[in-house]
């Protein structure tokens, strides 16, 4: 290489790395997944491998599915609790050894 030579940046590498990092951060997995997909698409246009983008897609996909399942479980649990409180009425109740406090 000649002195002062700066290689051209590889398209999609930065997005792939950013997507990989965000895919590791809980609620940001969806954003990490999107950035990784865009980074991989940019890299593929110039026939360059982008391992961080691929890893970001895998981790982001799994993380997004897990996060979605947790949200669904929380909504179902809250719905069941609201239904229980609707049946029991306001106050503190013992149901199968579990204390449930329902507002009025």
PDB file of N, CA and C in Angstrom:
ATOM      1  N   UNK A   1       0.832  -1.182   0.000  1.00  0.00           N
ATOM      2  CA  UNK A   1       0.000   0.000   0.000  1.00  0.00           C
ATOM      3  C   UNK A   1       0.876   1.246   0.000  1.00  0.00           C
ATOM      4  N   UNK A   2       0.405   2.229  -0.691  1.00  0.00           N
ATOM      5  CA  UNK A   2       1.131   3.491  -0.749  1.00  0.00           C
ATOM      6  C   UNK A   2       0.913   4.266   0.545  1.00  0.00           C
ATOM      7  N   UNK A   3       1.893   5.052   0.963  1.00  0.00           N
ATOM      8  CA  UNK A   3       1.708   5.862   2.170  1.00  0.00           C
ATOM      9  C   UNK A   3       0.529   6.811   2.004  1.00  0.00           C
ATOM     10  N   UNK A   4      -0.262   6.917   3.032  1.00  0.00           N
ATOM     11  CA  UNK A   4      -1.423   7.802   3.000  1.00  0.00           C
ATOM     12  C   UNK A   4      -2.645   7.174   2.352  1.00  0.00           C
ATOM     13  N   UNK A   5      -2.525   5.917   1.905  1.00  0.00           N
ATOM     14  CA  UNK A   5      -3.663   5.239   1.277  1.00  0.00           C
ATOM     15  C   UNK A   5      -4.702   4.888   2.328  1.00  0.00           C
ATOM     16  N   UNK A   6      -5.927   5.242   2.055  1.00  0.00           N
ATOM     17  CA  UNK A   6      -7.031   4.895   2.943  1.00  0.00           C
ATOM     18  C   UNK A   6      -7.987   4.023   2.142  1.00  0.00           C
ATOM     19  N   UNK A   7      -8.188   2.774   2.567  1.00  0.00           N
ATOM     20  CA  UNK A   7      -9.085   1.901   1.806  1.00  0.00           C
ATOM     21  C   UNK A   7     -10.523   2.418   1.841  1.00  0.00           C
ATOM     22  N   UNK A   8     -11.241   2.173   0.761  1.00  0.00           N
ATOM     23  CA  UNK A   8     -12.644   2.599   0.691  1.00  0.00           C
ATOM     24  C   UNK A   8     -13.469   1.807   1.692  1.00  0.00           C
ATOM     25  N   UNK A   9     -14.415   2.466   2.335  1.00  0.00           N
ATOM     26  CA  UNK A   9     -15.261   1.739   3.292  1.00  0.00           C
ATOM     27  C   UNK A   9     -16.125   0.696   2.576  1.00  0.00           C
ATOM     28  N   UNK A  10     -16.360  -0.397   3.255  1.00  0.00           N
ATOM     29  CA  UNK A  10     -17.197  -1.458   2.701  1.00  0.00           C
ATOM     30  C   UNK A  10     -18.652  -1.129   2.978  1.00  0.00           C
ATOM     31  N   UNK A  11     -19.474  -1.052   1.931  1.00  0.00           N
ATOM     32  CA  UNK A  11     -20.886  -0.734   2.150  1.00  0.00           C
ATOM     33  C   UNK A  11     -21.556  -1.757   3.068  1.00  0.00           C
ATOM     34  N   UNK A  12     -22.300  -1.268   4.017  1.00  0.00           N
ATOM     35  CA  UNK A  12     -23.073  -2.124   4.904  1.00  0.00           C
ATOM     36  C   UNK A  12     -22.347  -2.605   6.140  1.00  0.00           C
ATOM     37  N   UNK A  13     -21.025  -2.477   6.190  1.00  0.00           N
ATOM     38  CA  UNK A  13     -20.277  -2.977   7.356  1.00  0.00           C
ATOM     39  C   UNK A  13     -20.665  -2.233   8.631  1.00  0.00           C
ATOM     40  N   UNK A  14     -20.761  -0.915   8.557  1.00  0.00           N
ATOM     41  CA  UNK A  14     -21.113  -0.122   9.745  1.00  0.00           C
ATOM     42  C   UNK A  14     -22.532  -0.422  10.206  1.00  0.00           C
ATOM     43  N   UNK A  15     -23.454  -0.520   9.247  1.00  0.00           N
ATOM     44  CA  UNK A  15     -24.829  -0.854   9.617  1.00  0.00           C
ATOM     45  C   UNK A  15     -24.916  -2.259  10.194  1.00  0.00           C
ATOM     46  N   UNK A  16     -24.156  -3.178   9.632  1.00  0.00           N
ATOM     47  CA  UNK A  16     -24.136  -4.551  10.157  1.00  0.00           C
ATOM     48  C   UNK A  16     -23.641  -4.594  11.585  1.00  0.00           C
ATOM     49  N   UNK A  17     -22.580  -3.841  11.870  1.00  0.00           N
ATOM     50  CA  UNK A  17     -22.035  -3.800  13.229  1.00  0.00           C
ATOM     51  C   UNK A  17     -23.013  -3.126  14.190  1.00  0.00           C
ATOM     52  N   UNK A  18     -23.600  -2.015  13.766  1.00  0.00           N
ATOM     53  CA  UNK A  18     -24.585  -1.324  14.617  1.00  0.00           C
ATOM     54  C   UNK A  18     -25.791  -2.224  14.873  1.00  0.00           C
ATOM     55  N   UNK A  19     -26.249  -2.911  13.843  1.00  0.00           N
ATOM     56  CA  UNK A  19     -27.374  -3.829  14.003  1.00  0.00           C
ATOM     57  C   UNK A  19     -27.055  -4.969  14.948  1.00  0.00           C
ATOM     58  N   UNK A  20     -25.834  -5.490  14.849  1.00  0.00           N
ATOM     59  CA  UNK A  20     -25.404  -6.564  15.743  1.00  0.00           C
ATOM     60  C   UNK A  20     -25.432  -6.089  17.199  1.00  0.00           C
ATOM     61  N   UNK A  21     -24.866  -4.909  17.448  1.00  0.00           N
ATOM     62  CA  UNK A  21     -24.820  -4.380  18.816  1.00  0.00           C
ATOM     63  C   UNK A  21     -26.233  -4.137  19.346  1.00  0.00           C
ATOM     64  N   UNK A  22     -27.095  -3.528  18.537  1.00  0.00           N
ATOM     65  CA  UNK A  22     -28.465  -3.250  18.989  1.00  0.00           C
ATOM     66  C   UNK A  22     -29.268  -4.535  19.190  1.00  0.00           C
ATOM     67  N   UNK A  23     -28.948  -5.569  18.428  1.00  0.00           N
ATOM     68  CA  UNK A  23     -29.690  -6.826  18.580  1.00  0.00           C
ATOM     69  C   UNK A  23     -29.420  -7.485  19.926  1.00  0.00           C
ATOM     70  N   UNK A  24     -28.340  -7.073  20.587  1.00  0.00           N
ATOM     71  CA  UNK A  24     -28.005  -7.621  21.901  1.00  0.00           C
ATOM     72  C   UNK A  24     -28.697  -6.863  23.042  1.00  0.00           C
ATOM     73  N   UNK A  25     -29.357  -5.762  22.737  1.00  0.00           N
ATOM     74  CA  UNK A  25     -29.877  -4.873  23.772  1.00  0.00           C
ATOM     75  C   UNK A  25     -31.390  -4.968  23.946  1.00  0.00           C
ATOM     76  N   UNK A  26     -31.876  -6.092  24.414  1.00  0.00           N
ATOM     77  CA  UNK A  26     -33.276  -6.277  24.810  1.00  0.00           C
ATOM     78  C   UNK A  26     -34.310  -5.678  23.878  1.00  0.00           C
ATOM     79  N   UNK A  27     -34.979  -4.600  24.311  1.00  0.00           N
ATOM     80  CA  UNK A  27     -36.072  -4.034  23.510  1.00  0.00           C
ATOM     81  C   UNK A  27     -35.626  -3.467  22.159  1.00  0.00           C
ATOM     82  N   UNK A  28     -34.352  -3.270  21.960  1.00  0.00           N
ATOM     83  CA  UNK A  28     -33.870  -2.719  20.697  1.00  0.00           C
ATOM     84  C   UNK A  28     -33.568  -3.796  19.663  1.00  0.00           C
ATOM     85  N   UNK A  29     -33.956  -5.037  19.949  1.00  0.00           N
ATOM     86  CA  UNK A  29     -33.655  -6.134  19.017  1.00  0.00           C
ATOM     87  C   UNK A  29     -34.314  -5.917  17.663  1.00  0.00           C
ATOM     88  N   UNK A  30     -35.497  -5.319  17.651  1.00  0.00           N
ATOM     89  CA  UNK A  30     -36.187  -5.088  16.381  1.00  0.00           C
ATOM     90  C   UNK A  30     -35.386  -4.101  15.531  1.00  0.00           C
ATOM     91  N   UNK A  31     -34.913  -3.028  16.146  1.00  0.00           N
ATOM     92  CA  UNK A  31     -34.105  -2.053  15.422  1.00  0.00           C
ATOM     93  C   UNK A  31     -32.797  -2.688  14.952  1.00  0.00           C
ATOM     94  N   UNK A  32     -32.187  -3.496  15.798  1.00  0.00           N
ATOM     95  CA  UNK A  32     -30.969  -4.211  15.408  1.00  0.00           C
ATOM     96  C   UNK A  32     -31.210  -5.142  14.240  1.00  0.00           C
ATOM     97  N   UNK A  33     -32.341  -5.815  14.242  1.00  0.00           N
ATOM     98  CA  UNK A  33     -32.700  -6.714  13.144  1.00  0.00           C
ATOM     99  C   UNK A  33     -32.826  -5.934  11.840  1.00  0.00           C
ATOM    100  N   UNK A  34     -33.515  -4.804  11.891  1.00  0.00           N
ATOM    101  CA  UNK A  34     -33.726  -3.988  10.684  1.00  0.00           C
ATOM    102  C   UNK A  34     -32.389  -3.465  10.147  1.00  0.00           C
ATOM    103  N   UNK A  35     -31.557  -2.909  11.034  1.00  0.00           N
ATOM    104  CA  UNK A  35     -30.260  -2.388  10.586  1.00  0.00           C
ATOM    105  C   UNK A  35     -29.381  -3.494  10.017  1.00  0.00           C
ATOM    106  N   UNK A  36     -29.429  -4.673  10.620  1.00  0.00           N
ATOM    107  CA  UNK A  36     -28.629  -5.794  10.125  1.00  0.00           C
ATOM    108  C   UNK A  36     -29.076  -6.225   8.736  1.00  0.00           C
ATOM    109  N   UNK A  37     -30.381  -6.244   8.523  1.00  0.00           N
ATOM    110  CA  UNK A  37     -30.903  -6.629   7.199  1.00  0.00           C
ATOM    111  C   UNK A  37     -30.469  -5.613   6.146  1.00  0.00           C
ATOM    112  N   UNK A  38     -30.582  -4.328   6.472  1.00  0.00           N
ATOM    113  CA  UNK A  38     -30.163  -3.288   5.526  1.00  0.00           C
ATOM    114  C   UNK A  38     -28.661  -3.381   5.261  1.00  0.00           C
ATOM    115  N   UNK A  39     -27.877  -3.569   6.318  1.00  0.00           N
ATOM    116  CA  UNK A  39     -26.429  -3.704   6.151  1.00  0.00           C
ATOM    117  C   UNK A  39     -26.044  -4.890   5.286  1.00  0.00           C
ATOM    118  N   UNK A  40     -26.716  -6.016   5.493  1.00  0.00           N
ATOM    119  CA  UNK A  40     -26.428  -7.200   4.688  1.00  0.00           C
ATOM    120  C   UNK A  40     -26.810  -6.966   3.231  1.00  0.00           C
ATOM    121  N   UNK A  41     -27.939  -6.314   3.004  1.00  0.00           N
ATOM    122  CA  UNK A  41     -28.364  -6.029   1.627  1.00  0.00           C
ATOM    123  C   UNK A  41     -27.352  -5.130   0.917  1.00  0.00           C
ATOM    124  N   UNK A  42     -26.860  -4.117   1.628  1.00  0.00           N
ATOM    125  CA  UNK A  42     -25.856  -3.228   1.029  1.00  0.00           C
ATOM    126  C   UNK A  42     -24.564  -3.977   0.719  1.00  0.00           C
ATOM    127  N   UNK A  43     -24.153  -4.859   1.615  1.00  0.00           N
ATOM    128  CA  UNK A  43     -22.923  -5.626   1.402  1.00  0.00           C
ATOM    129  C   UNK A  43     -23.080  -6.605   0.245  1.00  0.00           C
ATOM    130  N   UNK A  44     -24.235  -7.200   0.131  1.00  0.00           N
ATOM    131  CA  UNK A  44     -24.455  -8.174  -0.947  1.00  0.00           C
ATOM    132  C   UNK A  44     -24.434  -7.517  -2.318  1.00  0.00           C
ATOM    133  N   UNK A  45     -24.852  -6.229  -2.383  1.00  0.00           N
ATOM    134  CA  UNK A  45     -24.846  -5.529  -3.673  1.00  0.00           C
ATOM    135  C   UNK A  45     -23.440  -5.427  -4.258  1.00  0.00           C
ATOM    136  N   UNK A  46     -22.428  -5.388  -3.389  1.00  0.00           N
ATOM    137  CA  UNK A  46     -21.047  -5.299  -3.859  1.00  0.00           C
ATOM    138  C   UNK A  46     -20.287  -6.608  -3.614  1.00  0.00           C
ATOM    139  N   UNK A  47     -21.020  -7.684  -3.364  1.00  0.00           N
ATOM    140  CA  UNK A  47     -20.448  -9.023  -3.167  1.00  0.00           C
ATOM    141  C   UNK A  47     -19.396  -9.075  -2.060  1.00  0.00           C
ATOM    142  N   UNK A  48     -19.725  -8.488  -0.906  1.00  0.00           N
ATOM    143  CA  UNK A  48     -18.829  -8.499   0.245  1.00  0.00           C
ATOM    144  C   UNK A  48     -19.538  -9.231   1.378  1.00  0.00           C
ATOM    145  N   UNK A  49     -18.807 -10.088   2.074  1.00  0.00           N
ATOM    146  CA  UNK A  49     -19.388 -10.789   3.220  1.00  0.00           C
ATOM    147  C   UNK A  49     -19.520  -9.829   4.399  1.00  0.00           C
ATOM    148  N   UNK A  50     -20.553 -10.045   5.203  1.00  0.00           N
ATOM    149  CA  UNK A  50     -20.799  -9.181   6.351  1.00  0.00           C
ATOM    150  C   UNK A  50     -21.272 -10.052   7.514  1.00  0.00           C
ATOM    151  N   UNK A  51     -20.322 -10.626   8.222  1.00  0.00           N
ATOM    152  CA  UNK A  51     -20.634 -11.547   9.319  1.00  0.00           C
ATOM    153  C   UNK A  51     -21.398 -10.897  10.454  1.00  0.00           C
ATOM    154  N   UNK A  52     -21.082  -9.633  10.761  1.00  0.00           N
ATOM    155  CA  UNK A  52     -21.807  -8.950  11.831  1.00  0.00           C
ATOM    156  C   UNK A  52     -23.285  -8.788  11.468  1.00  0.00           C
ATOM    157  N   UNK A  53     -23.568  -8.495  10.214  1.00  0.00           N
ATOM    158  CA  UNK A  53     -24.961  -8.344   9.790  1.00  0.00           C
ATOM    159  C   UNK A  53     -25.705  -9.676   9.909  1.00  0.00           C
ATOM    160  N   UNK A  54     -25.069 -10.755   9.493  1.00  0.00           N
ATOM    161  CA  UNK A  54     -25.702 -12.076   9.596  1.00  0.00           C
ATOM    162  C   UNK A  54     -25.956 -12.425  11.065  1.00  0.00           C
ATOM    163  N   UNK A  55     -24.958 -12.190  11.910  1.00  0.00           N
ATOM    164  CA  UNK A  55     -25.137 -12.464  13.344  1.00  0.00           C
ATOM    165  C   UNK A  55     -26.222 -11.574  13.927  1.00  0.00           C
ATOM    166  N   UNK A  56     -26.280 -10.314  13.516  1.00  0.00           N
ATOM    167  CA  UNK A  56     -27.319  -9.401  13.982  1.00  0.00           C
ATOM    168  C   UNK A  56     -28.703  -9.859  13.571  1.00  0.00           C
ATOM    169  N   UNK A  57     -28.816 -10.423  12.368  1.00  0.00           N
ATOM    170  CA  UNK A  57     -30.109 -10.931  11.896  1.00  0.00           C
ATOM    171  C   UNK A  57     -30.539 -12.130  12.734  1.00  0.00           C
ATOM    172  N   UNK A  58     -29.629 -13.049  12.987  1.00  0.00           N
ATOM    173  CA  UNK A  58     -29.957 -14.244  13.774  1.00  0.00           C
ATOM    174  C   UNK A  58     -30.338 -13.846  15.203  1.00  0.00           C
ATOM    175  N   UNK A  59     -29.472 -13.074  15.852  1.00  0.00           N
ATOM    176  CA  UNK A  59     -29.731 -12.683  17.240  1.00  0.00           C
ATOM    177  C   UNK A  59     -30.960 -11.783  17.325  1.00  0.00           C
ATOM    178  N   UNK A  60     -31.089 -10.858  16.382  1.00  0.00           N
ATOM    179  CA  UNK A  60     -32.244  -9.961  16.373  1.00  0.00           C
ATOM    180  C   UNK A  60     -33.551 -10.705  16.157  1.00  0.00           C
ATOM    181  N   UNK A  61     -33.542 -11.722  15.307  1.00  0.00           N
ATOM    182  CA  UNK A  61     -34.754 -12.522  15.064  1.00  0.00           C
ATOM    183  C   UNK A  61     -35.167 -13.276  16.325  1.00  0.00           C
ATOM    184  N   UNK A  62     -34.203 -13.952  16.934  1.00  0.00           N
ATOM    185  CA  UNK A  62     -34.496 -14.710  18.159  1.00  0.00           C
ATOM    186  C   UNK A  62     -34.937 -13.763  19.273  1.00  0.00           C
ATOM    187  N   UNK A  63     -34.223 -12.646  19.434  1.00  0.00           N
ATOM    188  CA  UNK A  63     -34.574 -11.676  20.467  1.00  0.00           C
ATOM    189  C   UNK A  63     -35.945 -11.066  20.250  1.00  0.00           C
ATOM    190  N   UNK A  64     -36.283 -10.776  19.004  1.00  0.00           N
ATOM    191  CA  UNK A  64     -37.588 -10.205  18.687  1.00  0.00           C
ATOM    192  C   UNK A  64     -38.701 -11.195  19.011  1.00  0.00           C
ATOM    193  N   UNK A  65     -38.489 -12.460  18.685  1.00  0.00           N
ATOM    194  CA  UNK A  65     -39.498 -13.484  18.991  1.00  0.00           C
ATOM    195  C   UNK A  65     -39.673 -13.617  20.503  1.00  0.00           C
ATOM    196  N   UNK A  66     -38.569 -13.672  21.232  1.00  0.00           N
ATOM    197  CA  UNK A  66     -38.653 -13.788  22.693  1.00  0.00           C
ATOM    198  C   UNK A  66     -39.336 -12.570  23.289  1.00  0.00           C
ATOM    199  N   UNK A  67     -38.971 -11.374  22.824  1.00  0.00           N
ATOM    200  CA  UNK A  67     -39.584 -10.144  23.326  1.00  0.00           C
ATOM    201  C   UNK A  67     -41.081 -10.127  23.036  1.00  0.00           C
ATOM    202  N   UNK A  68     -41.478 -10.549  21.837  1.00  0.00           N
ATOM    203  CA  UNK A  68     -42.903 -10.600  21.486  1.00  0.00           C
ATOM    204  C   UNK A  68     -43.652 -11.594  22.379  1.00  0.00           C
ATOM    205  N   UNK A  69     -43.042 -12.747  22.648  1.00  0.00           N
ATOM    206  CA  UNK A  69     -43.677 -13.736  23.525  1.00  0.00           C
ATOM    207  C   UNK A  69     -43.840 -13.203  24.947  1.00  0.00           C
ATOM    208  N   UNK A  70     -42.851 -12.458  25.429  1.00  0.00           N
ATOM    209  CA  UNK A  70     -42.953 -11.855  26.760  1.00  0.00           C
ATOM    210  C   UNK A  70     -44.085 -10.832  26.823  1.00  0.00           C
ATOM    211  N   UNK A  71     -44.228 -10.035  25.780  1.00  0.00           N
ATOM    212  CA  UNK A  71     -45.313  -9.057  25.741  1.00  0.00           C
ATOM    213  C   UNK A  71     -46.660  -9.765  25.717  1.00  0.00           C
ATOM    214  N   UNK A  72     -46.765 -10.810  24.918  1.00  0.00           N
ATOM    215  CA  UNK A  72     -48.024 -11.569  24.855  1.00  0.00           C
ATOM    216  C   UNK A  72     -48.342 -12.179  26.214  1.00  0.00           C
ATOM    217  N   UNK A  73     -47.342 -12.752  26.874  1.00  0.00           N
ATOM    218  CA  UNK A  73     -47.557 -13.350  28.196  1.00  0.00           C
ATOM    219  C   UNK A  73     -48.001 -12.295  29.208  1.00  0.00           C
ATOM    220  N   UNK A  74     -47.413 -11.113  29.151  1.00  0.00           N
ATOM    221  CA  UNK A  74     -47.793 -10.041  30.079  1.00  0.00           C
ATOM    222  C   UNK A  74     -49.221  -9.585  29.830  1.00  0.00           C
ATOM    223  N   UNK A  75     -49.612  -9.465  28.571  1.00  0.00           N
ATOM    224  CA  UNK A  75     -50.976  -9.043  28.241  1.00  0.00           C
ATOM    225  C   UNK A  75     -51.983 -10.104  28.670  1.00  0.00           C
ATOM    226  N   UNK A  76     -51.662 -11.371  28.419  1.00  0.00           N
ATOM    227  CA  UNK A  76     -52.565 -12.459  28.829  1.00  0.00           C
ATOM    228  C   UNK A  76     -52.674 -12.504  30.352  1.00  0.00           C
ATOM    229  N   UNK A  77     -51.547 -12.362  31.037  1.00  0.00           N
ATOM    230  CA  UNK A  77     -51.557 -12.366  32.501  1.00  0.00           C
ATOM    231  C   UNK A  77     -52.355 -11.204  33.072  1.00  0.00           C
ATOM    232  N   UNK A  78     -52.178 -10.034  32.500  1.00  0.00           N
ATOM    233  CA  UNK A  78     -52.938  -8.869  32.962  1.00  0.00           C
ATOM    234  C   UNK A  78     -54.426  -9.059  32.701  1.00  0.00           C
ATOM    235  N   UNK A  79     -54.763  -9.638  31.560  1.00  0.00           N
ATOM    236  CA  UNK A  79     -56.164  -9.905  31.246  1.00  0.00           C
ATOM    237  C   UNK A  79     -56.780 -10.890  32.224  1.00  0.00           C
ATOM    238  N   UNK A  80     -56.024 -11.924  32.576  1.00  0.00           N
ATOM    239  CA  UNK A  80     -56.523 -12.911  33.537  1.00  0.00           C
ATOM    240  C   UNK A  80     -56.717 -12.280  34.909  1.00  0.00           C
ATOM    241  N   UNK A  81     -55.785 -11.418  35.309  1.00  0.00           N
ATOM    242  CA  UNK A  81     -55.906 -10.741  36.596  1.00  0.00           C
ATOM    243  C   UNK A  81     -57.118  -9.807  36.611  1.00  0.00           C
ATOM    244  N   UNK A  82     -57.328  -9.074  35.533  1.00  0.00           N
ATOM    245  CA  UNK A  82     -58.491  -8.184  35.452  1.00  0.00           C
ATOM    246  C   UNK A  82     -59.788  -8.983  35.494  1.00  0.00           C
ATOM    247  N   UNK A  83     -59.808 -10.121  34.822  1.00  0.00           N
ATOM    248  CA  UNK A  83     -60.999 -10.982  34.848  1.00  0.00           C
ATOM    249  C   UNK A  83     -61.253 -11.500  36.257  1.00  0.00           C
ATOM    250  N   UNK A  84     -60.190 -11.920  36.944  1.00  0.00           N
ATOM    251  CA  UNK A  84     -60.312 -12.413  38.314  1.00  0.00           C
ATOM    252  C   UNK A  84     -60.856 -11.321  39.223  1.00  0.00           C
ATOM    253  N   UNK A  85     -60.327 -10.104  39.077  1.00  0.00           N
ATOM    254  CA  UNK A  85     -60.797  -8.992  39.910  1.00  0.00           C
ATOM    255  C   UNK A  85     -62.244  -8.626  39.585  1.00  0.00           C
ATOM    256  N   UNK A  86     -62.646  -8.774  38.329  1.00  0.00           N
ATOM    257  CA  UNK A  86     -64.034  -8.497  37.960  1.00  0.00           C
ATOM    258  C   UNK A  86     -64.977  -9.483  38.646  1.00  0.00           C
ATOM    259  N   UNK A  87     -64.539 -10.726  38.796  1.00  0.00           N
ATOM    260  CA  UNK A  87     -65.363 -11.742  39.450  1.00  0.00           C
ATOM    261  C   UNK A  87     -65.360 -11.586  40.968  1.00  0.00           C
ATOM    262  N   UNK A  88     -64.208 -11.215  41.552  1.00  0.00           N
ATOM    263  CA  UNK A  88     -64.087 -11.147  43.008  1.00  0.00           C
ATOM    264  C   UNK A  88     -64.573  -9.827  43.592  1.00  0.00           C
ATOM    265  N   UNK A  89     -64.463  -8.762  42.829  1.00  0.00           N
ATOM    266  CA  UNK A  89     -64.826  -7.444  43.344  1.00  0.00           C
ATOM    267  C   UNK A  89     -63.642  -6.803  44.052  1.00  0.00           C
ATOM    268  N   UNK A  90     -63.833  -5.549  44.530  1.00  0.00           N
ATOM    269  CA  UNK A  90     -62.723  -4.838  45.170  1.00  0.00           C
ATOM    270  C   UNK A  90     -62.349  -5.451  46.518  1.00  0.00           C
ATOM    271  N   UNK A  91     -61.065  -5.274  46.890  1.00  0.00           N
ATOM    272  CA  UNK A  91     -60.582  -5.776  48.173  1.00  0.00           C
ATOM    273  C   UNK A  91     -59.404  -6.704  48.008  1.00  0.00           C
ATOM    274  N   UNK A  92     -58.994  -7.314  49.118  1.00  0.00           N
ATOM    275  CA  UNK A  92     -57.878  -8.254  49.124  1.00  0.00           C
ATOM    276  C   UNK A  92     -58.457  -9.656  49.243  1.00  0.00           C
ATOM    277  N   UNK A  93     -58.030 -10.545  48.347  1.00  0.00           N
ATOM    278  CA  UNK A  93     -58.589 -11.897  48.289  1.00  0.00           C
ATOM    279  C   UNK A  93     -57.460 -12.929  48.285  1.00  0.00           C
ATOM    280  N   UNK A  94     -57.751 -14.096  48.853  1.00  0.00           N
ATOM    281  CA  UNK A  94     -56.838 -15.243  48.796  1.00  0.00           C
ATOM    282  C   UNK A  94     -57.416 -16.245  47.808  1.00  0.00           C
ATOM    283  N   UNK A  95     -56.679 -16.543  46.755  1.00  0.00           N
ATOM    284  CA  UNK A  95     -57.128 -17.515  45.764  1.00  0.00           C
ATOM    285  C   UNK A  95     -56.004 -18.525  45.565  1.00  0.00           C
ATOM    286  N   UNK A  96     -56.258 -19.778  45.977  1.00  0.00           N
ATOM    287  CA  UNK A  96     -55.268 -20.841  45.864  1.00  0.00           C
ATOM    288  C   UNK A  96     -53.926 -20.453  46.479  1.00  0.00           C
ATOM    289  N   UNK A  97     -53.965 -19.806  47.600  1.00  0.00           N
ATOM    290  CA  UNK A  97     -52.757 -19.424  48.321  1.00  0.00           C
ATOM    291  C   UNK A  97     -52.066 -18.169  47.781  1.00  0.00           C
ATOM    292  N   UNK A  98     -52.678 -17.524  46.818  1.00  0.00           N
ATOM    293  CA  UNK A  98     -52.112 -16.315  46.234  1.00  0.00           C
ATOM    294  C   UNK A  98     -52.974 -15.127  46.636  1.00  0.00           C
ATOM    295  N   UNK A  99     -52.336 -14.063  47.118  1.00  0.00           N
ATOM    296  CA  UNK A  99     -53.064 -12.868  47.513  1.00  0.00           C
ATOM    297  C   UNK A  99     -53.266 -11.976  46.299  1.00  0.00           C
ATOM    298  N   UNK A 100     -54.521 -11.625  46.052  1.00  0.00           N
ATOM    299  CA  UNK A 100     -54.857 -10.754  44.935  1.00  0.00           C
ATOM    300  C   UNK A 100     -55.526  -9.508  45.514  1.00  0.00           C
ATOM    301  N   UNK A 101     -54.995  -8.343  45.154  1.00  0.00           N
ATOM    302  CA  UNK A 101     -55.555  -7.079  45.602  1.00  0.00           C
ATOM    303  C   UNK A 101     -56.227  -6.414  44.412  1.00  0.00           C
ATOM    304  N   UNK A 102     -57.531  -6.200  44.540  1.00  0.00           N
ATOM    305  CA  UNK A 102     -58.301  -5.592  43.468  1.00  0.00           C
ATOM    306  C   UNK A 102     -58.770  -4.204  43.904  1.00  0.00           C
ATOM    307  N   UNK A 103     -58.565  -3.231  43.030  1.00  0.00           N
ATOM    308  CA  UNK A 103     -58.999  -1.867  43.316  1.00  0.00           C
ATOM    309  C   UNK A 103     -60.495  -1.721  43.157  1.00  0.00           C
ATOM    310  N   UNK A 104     -60.987  -0.580  43.582  1.00  0.00           N
ATOM    311  CA  UNK A 104     -62.443  -0.362  43.528  1.00  0.00           C
ATOM    312  C   UNK A 104     -62.891   0.634  42.584  1.00  0.00           C
TER     313      UNK A 104
END
